[in-house]
Amino acid sequence: MSKIIDQLPFFDQPTSLRIPGGPAVNVRQFQIIVWVAVTDVGLSVCPQNISRFPAVIDIGFNHNFLIQAHQLHDWARIESSDLIYVANIAVRGERVPLREADVWIFQNQPAFRDQLQEVPPFRLQLDGGIAVCPDRMNYPRLPLIGLRTICRNQLDVRVDGKNRRVAIHVSD
């Protein structure tokens, strides 16, 4: 099994981080943060100068990936209308469009949340696209990677609650 995330810390108090070229954002306690990028679907490699931003691993979210339209625009530099429409899903009782896109997860430096390794990111296989919430919903606060993505990619997510560390492996 190959490591994607190694000894990633999470914290029992709120923290903050800065998105490269973007704002500082608050992270709630006990949120597992990974760094991702979003691209048009079908690229064989992730562009080297791609914008990366934080996302929360949320096994309570039962779809692939959820992001606000303004986050997609501001952080990934992609207009949701430029991505192919797939279908709708219900999010908080509202219809939210699914759009075809790829999500890439960056490998962290072991034991650091916000320092990344200089290796190509791992492309997550998504079945059904990403959900893009209209800004009026003001949800989610940070993008979410859901359980469907973890299962679809056969990821082994291990949480060491005692030491507040997370490891994510993918089967070879």
Protein backbone atom coordinates (compact mmCIF):
# COMPACT_ATOMS: atom_id res chain seq x y z
CA MET A 1 0.00 0.00 0.00
CA SER A 2 1.21 3.49 -0.86
CA LYS A 3 0.97 6.33 1.63
CA ILE A 4 -0.90 9.42 0.57
CA ILE A 5 -1.10 11.04 4.00
CA ASP A 6 1.47 10.33 6.71
CA GLN A 7 1.13 11.20 10.42
CA LEU A 8 -1.13 14.13 9.55
CA PRO A 9 -1.91 16.01 12.77
CA PHE A 10 -5.33 17.23 13.79
CA PHE A 11 -5.97 19.41 16.78
CA ASP A 12 -8.31 19.59 19.77
CA GLN A 13 -8.59 23.38 19.51
CA PRO A 14 -9.39 25.71 16.62
CA THR A 15 -6.47 26.61 14.35
CA SER A 16 -6.04 28.60 11.17
CA LEU A 17 -4.15 28.24 7.94
CA ARG A 18 -3.41 30.37 4.91
CA ILE A 19 -4.37 29.37 1.39
CA PRO A 20 -1.44 30.18 -0.93
CA GLY A 21 -2.32 33.43 -2.67
CA GLY A 22 -5.59 33.53 -0.74
CA PRO A 23 -7.13 34.17 2.62
CA ALA A 24 -6.48 32.75 6.05
CA VAL A 25 -9.23 30.34 7.06
CA ASN A 26 -10.27 29.01 10.43
CA VAL A 27 -10.20 25.28 11.07
CA ARG A 28 -12.47 23.87 13.72
CA GLN A 29 -11.24 21.50 16.39
CA PHE A 30 -11.00 17.83 15.40
CA GLN A 31 -11.20 18.57 11.67
CA ILE A 32 -8.92 16.48 9.47
CA ILE A 33 -7.50 18.82 6.83
CA VAL A 34 -5.87 17.67 3.60
CA TRP A 35 -4.69 19.82 0.69
CA VAL A 36 -6.40 19.34 -2.66
CA ALA A 37 -6.74 20.78 -6.15
CA VAL A 38 -9.63 20.60 -8.60
CA THR A 39 -9.17 20.33 -12.37
CA ASP A 40 -11.21 19.58 -15.46
CA VAL A 41 -11.87 15.88 -15.74
CA GLY A 42 -9.48 13.60 -17.59
CA LEU A 43 -6.03 15.12 -17.10
CA SER A 44 -3.36 12.43 -16.88
CA VAL A 45 -1.17 14.55 -14.60
CA CYS A 46 -1.92 17.46 -12.32
CA PRO A 47 -0.47 20.77 -13.57
CA GLN A 48 2.59 21.75 -11.53
CA ASN A 49 1.43 25.30 -10.79
CA ILE A 50 -2.09 24.29 -9.74
CA SER A 51 -3.81 26.17 -6.93
CA ARG A 52 -4.21 24.05 -3.82
CA PHE A 53 -6.55 24.57 -0.90
CA PRO A 54 -7.74 22.77 2.24
CA ALA A 55 -10.54 20.24 2.40
CA VAL A 56 -12.00 18.31 5.32
CA ILE A 57 -12.13 14.52 5.37
CA ASP A 58 -15.75 13.99 6.43
CA ILE A 59 -16.99 10.40 6.61
CA GLY A 60 -20.41 11.78 7.56
CA PHE A 61 -20.75 13.30 4.07
CA ASN A 62 -22.08 10.52 1.85
CA HIS A 63 -21.01 11.83 -1.55
CA ASN A 64 -17.70 12.60 -3.27
CA PHE A 65 -16.70 16.21 -2.84
CA LEU A 66 -18.64 19.31 -1.84
CA ILE A 67 -17.51 22.89 -2.39
CA GLN A 68 -19.07 26.35 -2.56
CA ALA A 69 -19.15 28.02 -5.99
CA HIS A 70 -17.06 30.97 -4.79
CA GLN A 71 -14.43 28.61 -3.32
CA LEU A 72 -14.21 26.79 -6.64
CA HIS A 73 -13.78 30.15 -8.39
CA ASP A 74 -11.45 31.84 -5.89
CA TRP A 75 -9.34 28.87 -4.79
CA ALA A 76 -9.37 26.49 -7.80
CA ARG A 77 -9.82 29.29 -10.36
CA ILE A 78 -12.60 27.36 -12.08
CA GLU A 79 -16.12 28.54 -12.89
CA SER A 80 -18.67 25.85 -12.05
CA SER A 81 -20.52 26.68 -15.28
CA ASP A 82 -17.38 25.63 -17.23
CA LEU A 83 -17.66 22.09 -15.81
CA ILE A 84 -20.02 19.58 -17.42
CA TYR A 85 -23.32 19.19 -15.55
CA VAL A 86 -24.03 15.61 -14.43
CA ALA A 87 -27.11 15.64 -12.17
CA ASN A 88 -28.35 17.10 -8.88
CA ILE A 89 -28.11 15.89 -5.31
CA ALA A 90 -29.89 17.13 -2.20
CA VAL A 91 -27.75 19.11 0.23
CA ARG A 92 -29.51 20.52 3.27
CA GLY A 93 -32.84 20.16 1.47
CA GLU A 94 -31.72 22.03 -1.66
CA ARG A 95 -30.89 20.75 -5.13
CA VAL A 96 -27.17 21.14 -5.78
CA PRO A 97 -25.59 20.43 -9.18
CA LEU A 98 -22.97 17.78 -9.69
CA ARG A 99 -20.21 18.75 -12.13
CA GLU A 100 -17.57 16.60 -13.79
CA ALA A 101 -14.16 17.36 -12.29
CA ASP A 102 -11.10 15.67 -10.88
CA VAL A 103 -9.87 16.17 -7.33
CA TRP A 104 -6.21 15.69 -6.49
CA ILE A 105 -4.89 15.17 -2.97
CA PHE A 106 -1.39 16.33 -2.05
CA GLN A 107 0.93 14.31 0.18
CA ASN A 108 1.88 16.01 3.41
CA GLN A 109 5.32 16.10 4.97
CA PRO A 110 5.10 13.48 7.75
CA ALA A 111 3.76 15.02 10.98
CA PHE A 112 2.86 18.36 9.31
CA ARG A 113 -0.56 19.49 8.16
CA ASP A 114 0.40 22.46 6.00
CA GLN A 115 3.76 21.37 4.57
CA LEU A 116 3.56 19.26 1.45
CA GLN A 117 5.95 16.87 -0.24
CA GLU A 118 7.40 17.75 -3.63
CA VAL A 119 5.75 14.78 -5.36
CA PRO A 120 2.82 14.67 -7.80
CA PRO A 121 -0.59 14.60 -6.08
CA PHE A 122 -2.85 11.54 -6.13
CA ARG A 123 -5.91 11.79 -8.40
CA LEU A 124 -9.06 10.66 -6.65
CA GLN A 125 -11.44 8.60 -8.75
CA LEU A 126 -14.87 10.20 -8.50
CA ASP A 127 -18.08 8.47 -9.45
CA GLY A 128 -20.67 11.12 -10.26
CA GLY A 129 -18.67 14.34 -10.07
CA ILE A 130 -18.35 17.06 -7.45
CA ALA A 131 -21.22 18.94 -5.83
CA VAL A 132 -21.03 22.73 -6.14
CA CYS A 133 -23.22 24.62 -3.67
CA PRO A 134 -24.53 28.04 -4.64
CA ASP A 135 -22.99 30.79 -2.54
CA ARG A 136 -26.33 31.75 -0.99
CA MET A 137 -26.23 28.45 0.94
CA ASN A 138 -22.98 29.50 2.64
CA TYR A 139 -22.16 25.80 3.00
CA PRO A 140 -19.81 24.00 3.40
CA ARG A 141 -17.47 26.28 5.31
CA LEU A 142 -14.52 24.32 3.90
CA PRO A 143 -14.76 21.80 1.05
CA LEU A 144 -15.59 18.23 2.08
CA ILE A 145 -14.22 14.90 0.88
CA GLY A 146 -16.88 12.30 1.59
CA LEU A 147 -17.05 8.63 2.36
CA ARG A 148 -18.03 7.73 -1.22
CA THR A 149 -14.62 8.97 -2.40
CA ILE A 150 -12.82 7.05 0.33
CA CYS A 151 -14.62 3.85 -0.66
CA ARG A 152 -14.37 4.38 -4.45
CA ASN A 153 -10.59 4.83 -4.15
CA GLN A 154 -10.19 1.96 -1.68
CA LEU A 155 -8.46 4.26 0.77
CA ASP A 156 -7.40 2.98 4.16
CA VAL A 157 -7.95 5.88 6.58
CA ARG A 158 -6.49 5.33 10.03
CA VAL A 159 -7.08 7.71 12.89
CA ASP A 160 -4.74 7.53 15.87
CA GLY A 161 -6.91 9.29 18.43
CA LYS A 162 -4.34 9.06 21.21
CA ASN A 163 -1.67 10.96 19.24
CA ARG A 164 -4.13 12.89 17.05
CA ARG A 165 -2.63 11.69 13.78
CA VAL A 166 -4.14 10.40 10.54
CA ALA A 167 -2.66 8.14 7.87
CA ILE A 168 -4.21 7.44 4.48
CA HIS A 169 -2.99 4.60 2.26
CA VAL A 170 -4.14 3.42 -1.13
CA SER A 171 -3.96 -0.17 -2.33
CA ASP A 172 -1.36 -0.72 -5.06
